[in-house]
Amino acid sequence: MNDIWQGPSWSSIEYGGRWKPLHYVIKRVYQPVALSWYESGNVLNLFSASDLLHDVSAELSIFVIKLDNEGI
């Protein structure tokens, strides 16, 4: 946030105050609830983390799309 003139820089906000794409990514990264995953063989492992001090309920929908002729 330290641009002092217009031009390419490491800042996430433009000279006039408009957000650059980086600022939107950082906003999403620091959300209070996060979901992460990794695949191990045919098993999908899901993890959630919350910085909130109360319970959070959510609904998760998973869609599997086959893009090749190999088996799932």
N, C-alpha and C. Protein backbone atom coordinates (compact mmCIF):
# COMPACT_ATOMS: atom_id res chain seq x y z
N MET A 1 0.82 -1.20 0.00
CA MET A 1 0.00 0.00 0.00
C MET A 1 0.86 1.25 0.00
N ASN A 2 2.07 1.14 -0.51
CA ASN A 2 2.94 2.30 -0.42
C ASN A 2 3.34 2.85 -1.79
N ASP A 3 2.43 2.83 -2.78
CA ASP A 3 2.72 3.46 -4.06
C ASP A 3 2.78 4.97 -3.89
N ILE A 4 3.81 5.58 -4.40
CA ILE A 4 3.88 7.05 -4.34
C ILE A 4 3.73 7.66 -5.73
N TRP A 5 3.78 6.85 -6.79
CA TRP A 5 3.49 7.31 -8.14
C TRP A 5 3.00 6.11 -8.94
N GLN A 6 2.44 6.40 -10.09
CA GLN A 6 1.91 5.32 -10.92
C GLN A 6 3.04 4.54 -11.56
N GLY A 7 2.87 3.22 -11.60
CA GLY A 7 3.86 2.36 -12.22
C GLY A 7 3.83 0.98 -11.59
N PRO A 8 4.50 0.01 -12.20
CA PRO A 8 4.54 -1.33 -11.62
C PRO A 8 5.23 -1.33 -10.26
N SER A 9 4.66 -2.03 -9.31
CA SER A 9 5.27 -2.11 -7.99
C SER A 9 4.75 -3.33 -7.26
N TRP A 10 5.19 -3.51 -6.03
CA TRP A 10 4.75 -4.62 -5.19
C TRP A 10 3.48 -4.28 -4.42
N SER A 11 2.97 -3.11 -4.58
CA SER A 11 1.78 -2.68 -3.85
C SER A 11 0.54 -3.42 -4.35
N SER A 12 -0.44 -3.63 -3.48
CA SER A 12 -1.68 -4.28 -3.87
C SER A 12 -2.79 -3.27 -4.15
N ILE A 13 -2.50 -1.99 -4.01
CA ILE A 13 -3.47 -0.93 -4.29
C ILE A 13 -2.82 0.08 -5.23
N GLU A 14 -3.57 0.48 -6.27
CA GLU A 14 -3.04 1.44 -7.23
C GLU A 14 -2.92 2.82 -6.61
N TYR A 15 -2.23 3.69 -7.30
CA TYR A 15 -2.00 5.07 -6.84
C TYR A 15 -3.31 5.77 -6.48
N GLY A 16 -4.35 5.58 -7.31
CA GLY A 16 -5.63 6.24 -7.07
C GLY A 16 -6.52 5.55 -6.04
N GLY A 17 -6.08 4.43 -5.47
CA GLY A 17 -6.85 3.73 -4.44
C GLY A 17 -7.57 2.49 -4.93
N ARG A 18 -7.54 2.23 -6.23
CA ARG A 18 -8.20 1.04 -6.77
C ARG A 18 -7.41 -0.21 -6.42
N TRP A 19 -8.13 -1.30 -6.09
CA TRP A 19 -7.47 -2.55 -5.74
C TRP A 19 -6.87 -3.21 -6.98
N LYS A 20 -5.67 -3.77 -6.83
CA LYS A 20 -5.06 -4.61 -7.85
C LYS A 20 -5.49 -6.05 -7.58
N PRO A 21 -5.34 -6.98 -8.57
CA PRO A 21 -5.77 -8.37 -8.35
C PRO A 21 -5.17 -8.99 -7.07
N LEU A 22 -3.94 -8.65 -6.74
CA LEU A 22 -3.32 -9.18 -5.52
C LEU A 22 -4.15 -8.89 -4.28
N HIS A 23 -4.74 -7.71 -4.20
CA HIS A 23 -5.52 -7.32 -3.03
C HIS A 23 -6.74 -8.22 -2.86
N TYR A 24 -7.38 -8.59 -3.97
CA TYR A 24 -8.54 -9.50 -3.90
C TYR A 24 -8.11 -10.88 -3.43
N VAL A 25 -6.96 -11.36 -3.87
CA VAL A 25 -6.46 -12.67 -3.44
C VAL A 25 -6.16 -12.66 -1.95
N ILE A 26 -5.49 -11.63 -1.48
CA ILE A 26 -5.15 -11.53 -0.05
C ILE A 26 -6.41 -11.45 0.80
N LYS A 27 -7.43 -10.75 0.33
CA LYS A 27 -8.70 -10.67 1.07
C LYS A 27 -9.28 -12.08 1.23
N ARG A 28 -9.23 -12.90 0.17
CA ARG A 28 -9.76 -14.25 0.24
C ARG A 28 -8.91 -15.14 1.15
N VAL A 29 -7.60 -14.98 1.12
CA VAL A 29 -6.69 -15.80 1.93
C VAL A 29 -6.95 -15.60 3.43
N TYR A 30 -7.29 -14.38 3.81
CA TYR A 30 -7.48 -14.07 5.23
C TYR A 30 -8.93 -14.19 5.71
N GLN A 31 -9.76 -14.94 4.98
CA GLN A 31 -11.12 -15.20 5.45
C GLN A 31 -11.06 -15.98 6.76
N PRO A 32 -12.04 -15.83 7.66
CA PRO A 32 -11.97 -16.49 8.96
C PRO A 32 -12.19 -18.01 8.91
N VAL A 33 -12.79 -18.52 7.84
CA VAL A 33 -13.01 -19.96 7.72
C VAL A 33 -12.38 -20.43 6.41
N ALA A 34 -11.58 -21.49 6.49
CA ALA A 34 -10.89 -22.00 5.30
C ALA A 34 -11.13 -23.49 5.15
N LEU A 35 -11.17 -23.94 3.92
CA LEU A 35 -11.30 -25.35 3.60
C LEU A 35 -10.12 -25.73 2.72
N SER A 36 -9.45 -26.82 3.08
CA SER A 36 -8.34 -27.30 2.25
C SER A 36 -8.52 -28.78 2.00
N TRP A 37 -7.82 -29.29 1.02
CA TRP A 37 -7.97 -30.69 0.65
C TRP A 37 -6.69 -31.21 0.02
N TYR A 38 -6.58 -32.54 0.05
CA TYR A 38 -5.54 -33.21 -0.72
C TYR A 38 -6.03 -34.61 -1.08
N GLU A 39 -5.53 -35.10 -2.19
CA GLU A 39 -5.94 -36.41 -2.68
C GLU A 39 -4.84 -37.41 -2.39
N SER A 40 -5.23 -38.56 -1.86
CA SER A 40 -4.30 -39.64 -1.57
C SER A 40 -4.86 -40.91 -2.20
N GLY A 41 -4.36 -41.25 -3.38
CA GLY A 41 -4.92 -42.39 -4.10
C GLY A 41 -6.32 -42.06 -4.56
N ASN A 42 -7.29 -42.87 -4.14
CA ASN A 42 -8.70 -42.62 -4.49
C ASN A 42 -9.46 -41.95 -3.34
N VAL A 43 -8.76 -41.43 -2.37
CA VAL A 43 -9.39 -40.80 -1.20
C VAL A 43 -9.16 -39.29 -1.23
N LEU A 44 -10.23 -38.53 -1.06
CA LEU A 44 -10.13 -37.09 -0.98
C LEU A 44 -10.24 -36.69 0.49
N ASN A 45 -9.20 -36.09 1.04
CA ASN A 45 -9.17 -35.67 2.44
C ASN A 45 -9.50 -34.19 2.53
N LEU A 46 -10.52 -33.84 3.31
CA LEU A 46 -10.94 -32.45 3.49
C LEU A 46 -10.66 -32.01 4.91
N PHE A 47 -10.20 -30.77 5.05
CA PHE A 47 -9.93 -30.19 6.36
C PHE A 47 -10.50 -28.78 6.40
N SER A 48 -10.99 -28.38 7.55
CA SER A 48 -11.45 -27.01 7.70
C SER A 48 -10.78 -26.40 8.92
N ALA A 49 -10.63 -25.09 8.86
CA ALA A 49 -10.05 -24.34 9.98
C ALA A 49 -10.86 -23.06 10.16
N SER A 50 -11.04 -22.67 11.40
CA SER A 50 -11.84 -21.48 11.68
C SER A 50 -11.15 -20.62 12.75
N ASP A 51 -11.12 -19.33 12.51
CA ASP A 51 -10.63 -18.37 13.50
C ASP A 51 -11.78 -17.78 14.31
N LEU A 52 -13.00 -18.23 14.04
CA LEU A 52 -14.16 -17.71 14.74
C LEU A 52 -14.28 -18.38 16.11
N LEU A 53 -14.93 -17.71 17.02
CA LEU A 53 -15.09 -18.24 18.38
C LEU A 53 -16.42 -18.94 18.59
N HIS A 54 -17.11 -19.25 17.50
CA HIS A 54 -18.38 -19.96 17.60
C HIS A 54 -18.43 -21.04 16.52
N ASP A 55 -19.37 -21.98 16.68
CA ASP A 55 -19.52 -23.06 15.71
C ASP A 55 -19.99 -22.50 14.36
N VAL A 56 -19.54 -23.16 13.31
CA VAL A 56 -19.93 -22.78 11.96
C VAL A 56 -20.50 -24.00 11.27
N SER A 57 -21.66 -23.86 10.65
CA SER A 57 -22.20 -24.97 9.87
C SER A 57 -22.13 -24.59 8.39
N ALA A 58 -21.93 -25.60 7.56
CA ALA A 58 -21.82 -25.37 6.12
C ALA A 58 -22.30 -26.59 5.38
N GLU A 59 -22.56 -26.42 4.11
CA GLU A 59 -22.94 -27.52 3.24
C GLU A 59 -21.91 -27.62 2.13
N LEU A 60 -21.47 -28.83 1.86
CA LEU A 60 -20.44 -29.07 0.85
C LEU A 60 -21.01 -29.96 -0.24
N SER A 61 -20.89 -29.53 -1.47
CA SER A 61 -21.30 -30.35 -2.62
C SER A 61 -20.05 -30.65 -3.44
N ILE A 62 -19.89 -31.92 -3.80
CA ILE A 62 -18.74 -32.34 -4.59
C ILE A 62 -19.24 -32.94 -5.88
N PHE A 63 -18.70 -32.49 -6.99
CA PHE A 63 -19.04 -33.00 -8.31
C PHE A 63 -17.79 -33.60 -8.92
N VAL A 64 -17.89 -34.81 -9.44
CA VAL A 64 -16.77 -35.48 -10.08
C VAL A 64 -17.05 -35.48 -11.58
N ILE A 65 -16.09 -34.98 -12.35
CA ILE A 65 -16.22 -34.93 -13.80
C ILE A 65 -15.08 -35.73 -14.41
N LYS A 66 -15.42 -36.70 -15.21
CA LYS A 66 -14.41 -37.55 -15.86
C LYS A 66 -14.00 -36.89 -17.19
N LEU A 67 -12.72 -36.58 -17.35
CA LEU A 67 -12.24 -35.89 -18.53
C LEU A 67 -11.45 -36.77 -19.49
N ASP A 68 -11.20 -38.01 -19.13
CA ASP A 68 -10.45 -38.91 -20.02
C ASP A 68 -11.09 -40.29 -20.00
N ASN A 69 -10.48 -41.22 -20.67
CA ASN A 69 -11.02 -42.58 -20.74
C ASN A 69 -10.53 -43.49 -19.64
N GLU A 70 -9.68 -42.98 -18.75
CA GLU A 70 -9.17 -43.80 -17.66
C GLU A 70 -10.22 -43.87 -16.56
N GLY A 71 -10.24 -44.96 -15.81
CA GLY A 71 -11.23 -45.16 -14.76
C GLY A 71 -11.01 -44.27 -13.56
N ILE A 72 -12.08 -44.00 -12.87
CA ILE A 72 -11.99 -43.21 -11.63
C ILE A 72 -12.03 -44.17 -10.46
